[in-house]
């Protein structure tokens, strides 16, 4: 009995799918708009400049030498622990 009911439902489902016919034609996608020119990074960079590690390389090379690197490292460690 269950097999007959399942077969009936499957048959009705297939008949319903076929009776819908072909899908209506979709409109073609719109033409893509031309891209706007984006601002260059230099133009967009307004406001305060944040220092980065590259800004301090020359200063660090002048201050830290092979003779005093341990002392400088200890100062940095103390500064970090103090925060």
C-alpha atoms as a PDB file:
ATOM      1  CA  UNK A   1       0.000   0.000   0.000  1.00  0.00           C
ATOM      2  CA  UNK A   2       2.822   2.397   0.885  1.00  0.00           C
ATOM      3  CA  UNK A   3       4.481   1.639  -2.418  1.00  0.00           C
ATOM      4  CA  UNK A   4       1.342   2.601  -4.315  1.00  0.00           C
ATOM      5  CA  UNK A   5       1.009   5.892  -2.431  1.00  0.00           C
ATOM      6  CA  UNK A   6       4.660   6.783  -2.988  1.00  0.00           C
ATOM      7  CA  UNK A   7       4.359   5.913  -6.685  1.00  0.00           C
ATOM      8  CA  UNK A   8       1.245   8.069  -6.952  1.00  0.00           C
ATOM      9  CA  UNK A   9       2.986  11.071  -5.332  1.00  0.00           C
ATOM     10  CA  UNK A  10       6.067  10.692  -7.496  1.00  0.00           C
ATOM     11  CA  UNK A  11       3.884  10.473 -10.604  1.00  0.00           C
ATOM     12  CA  UNK A  12       1.937  13.589  -9.604  1.00  0.00           C
ATOM     13  CA  UNK A  13       5.152  15.467  -8.854  1.00  0.00           C
ATOM     14  CA  UNK A  14       6.568  14.595 -12.276  1.00  0.00           C
ATOM     15  CA  UNK A  15       3.323  15.567 -13.964  1.00  0.00           C
ATOM     16  CA  UNK A  16       3.298  18.891 -12.138  1.00  0.00           C
ATOM     17  CA  UNK A  17       6.863  19.615 -13.251  1.00  0.00           C
ATOM     18  CA  UNK A  18       6.054  18.846 -16.877  1.00  0.00           C
ATOM     19  CA  UNK A  19       2.867  20.896 -16.917  1.00  0.00           C
ATOM     20  CA  UNK A  20       4.742  24.083 -16.065  1.00  0.00           C
ATOM     21  CA  UNK A  21       6.161  24.166 -19.566  1.00  0.00           C
ATOM     22  CA  UNK A  22       9.269  26.085 -20.436  1.00  0.00           C
ATOM     23  CA  UNK A  23      10.485  28.825 -18.230  1.00  0.00           C
ATOM     24  CA  UNK A  24       9.920  32.361 -19.500  1.00  0.00           C
ATOM     25  CA  UNK A  25      12.925  33.904 -21.171  1.00  0.00           C
ATOM     26  CA  UNK A  26      14.895  36.098 -18.878  1.00  0.00           C
ATOM     27  CA  UNK A  27      15.947  39.559 -19.883  1.00  0.00           C
ATOM     28  CA  UNK A  28      19.634  39.830 -20.744  1.00  0.00           C
ATOM     29  CA  UNK A  29      21.789  41.194 -17.947  1.00  0.00           C
ATOM     30  CA  UNK A  30      22.330  44.946 -18.038  1.00  0.00           C
ATOM     31  CA  UNK A  31      25.535  46.315 -19.501  1.00  0.00           C
ATOM     32  CA  UNK A  32      28.232  46.769 -16.858  1.00  0.00           C
ATOM     33  CA  UNK A  33      28.880  50.334 -15.856  1.00  0.00           C
ATOM     34  CA  UNK A  34      32.372  51.706 -16.456  1.00  0.00           C
ATOM     35  CA  UNK A  35      34.502  51.676 -13.343  1.00  0.00           C
ATOM     36  CA  UNK A  36      35.100  54.966 -11.637  1.00  0.00           C
ATOM     37  CA  UNK A  37      38.663  56.056 -11.085  1.00  0.00           C
ATOM     38  CA  UNK A  38      39.629  55.407  -7.507  1.00  0.00           C
ATOM     39  CA  UNK A  39      41.720  57.865  -5.578  1.00  0.00           C
ATOM     40  CA  UNK A  40      45.410  57.166  -5.432  1.00  0.00           C
ATOM     41  CA  UNK A  41      46.735  56.261  -1.964  1.00  0.00           C
ATOM     42  CA  UNK A  42      48.589  59.582  -1.750  1.00  0.00           C
ATOM     43  CA  UNK A  43      45.370  61.465  -2.494  1.00  0.00           C
ATOM     44  CA  UNK A  44      43.366  59.444  -0.004  1.00  0.00           C
ATOM     45  CA  UNK A  45      45.914  59.702   2.809  1.00  0.00           C
ATOM     46  CA  UNK A  46      44.652  62.696   4.710  1.00  0.00           C
ATOM     47  CA  UNK A  47      45.004  63.135   8.418  1.00  0.00           C
ATOM     48  CA  UNK A  48      47.765  62.268  10.872  1.00  0.00           C
ATOM     49  CA  UNK A  49      50.489  59.918   9.700  1.00  0.00           C
ATOM     50  CA  UNK A  50      51.129  56.923  11.942  1.00  0.00           C
ATOM     51  CA  UNK A  51      54.826  56.064  12.326  1.00  0.00           C
ATOM     52  CA  UNK A  52      55.868  52.572  11.245  1.00  0.00           C
ATOM     53  CA  UNK A  53      59.002  50.526  11.887  1.00  0.00           C
ATOM     54  CA  UNK A  54      60.616  51.705   8.635  1.00  0.00           C
ATOM     55  CA  UNK A  55      60.549  55.261  10.023  1.00  0.00           C
ATOM     56  CA  UNK A  56      62.831  54.236  12.901  1.00  0.00           C
ATOM     57  CA  UNK A  57      65.362  52.017  11.100  1.00  0.00           C
ATOM     58  CA  UNK A  58      68.012  54.706  10.553  1.00  0.00           C
ATOM     59  CA  UNK A  59      67.704  55.919  14.139  1.00  0.00           C
ATOM     60  CA  UNK A  60      67.975  52.362  15.492  1.00  0.00           C
ATOM     61  CA  UNK A  61      71.011  51.573  13.323  1.00  0.00           C
ATOM     62  CA  UNK A  62      72.764  54.678  14.663  1.00  0.00           C
ATOM     63  CA  UNK A  63      71.892  54.092  18.340  1.00  0.00           C
ATOM     64  CA  UNK A  64      72.198  50.309  18.647  1.00  0.00           C
ATOM     65  CA  UNK A  65      75.634  48.847  18.108  1.00  0.00           C
ATOM     66  CA  UNK A  66      77.237  45.463  18.737  1.00  0.00           C
ATOM     67  CA  UNK A  67      78.659  46.833  22.003  1.00  0.00           C
ATOM     68  CA  UNK A  68      75.395  48.133  23.511  1.00  0.00           C
ATOM     69  CA  UNK A  69      72.663  45.899  22.075  1.00  0.00           C
ATOM     70  CA  UNK A  70      72.196  44.025  25.387  1.00  0.00           C
ATOM     71  CA  UNK A  71      71.676  47.269  27.294  1.00  0.00           C
ATOM     72  CA  UNK A  72      69.214  48.525  24.666  1.00  0.00           C
ATOM     73  CA  UNK A  73      67.350  45.218  24.775  1.00  0.00           C
ATOM     74  CA  UNK A  74      67.115  45.419  28.572  1.00  0.00           C
ATOM     75  CA  UNK A  75      65.739  48.968  28.300  1.00  0.00           C
ATOM     76  CA  UNK A  76      63.077  47.819  25.843  1.00  0.00           C
ATOM     77  CA  UNK A  77      62.115  44.876  28.062  1.00  0.00           C
ATOM     78  CA  UNK A  78      61.826  47.175  31.088  1.00  0.00           C
ATOM     79  CA  UNK A  79      59.707  49.626  29.099  1.00  0.00           C
ATOM     80  CA  UNK A  80      57.342  46.853  27.965  1.00  0.00           C
ATOM     81  CA  UNK A  81      57.013  45.403  31.468  1.00  0.00           C
ATOM     82  CA  UNK A  82      56.398  48.865  32.911  1.00  0.00           C
ATOM     83  CA  UNK A  83      53.347  49.414  30.722  1.00  0.00           C
END
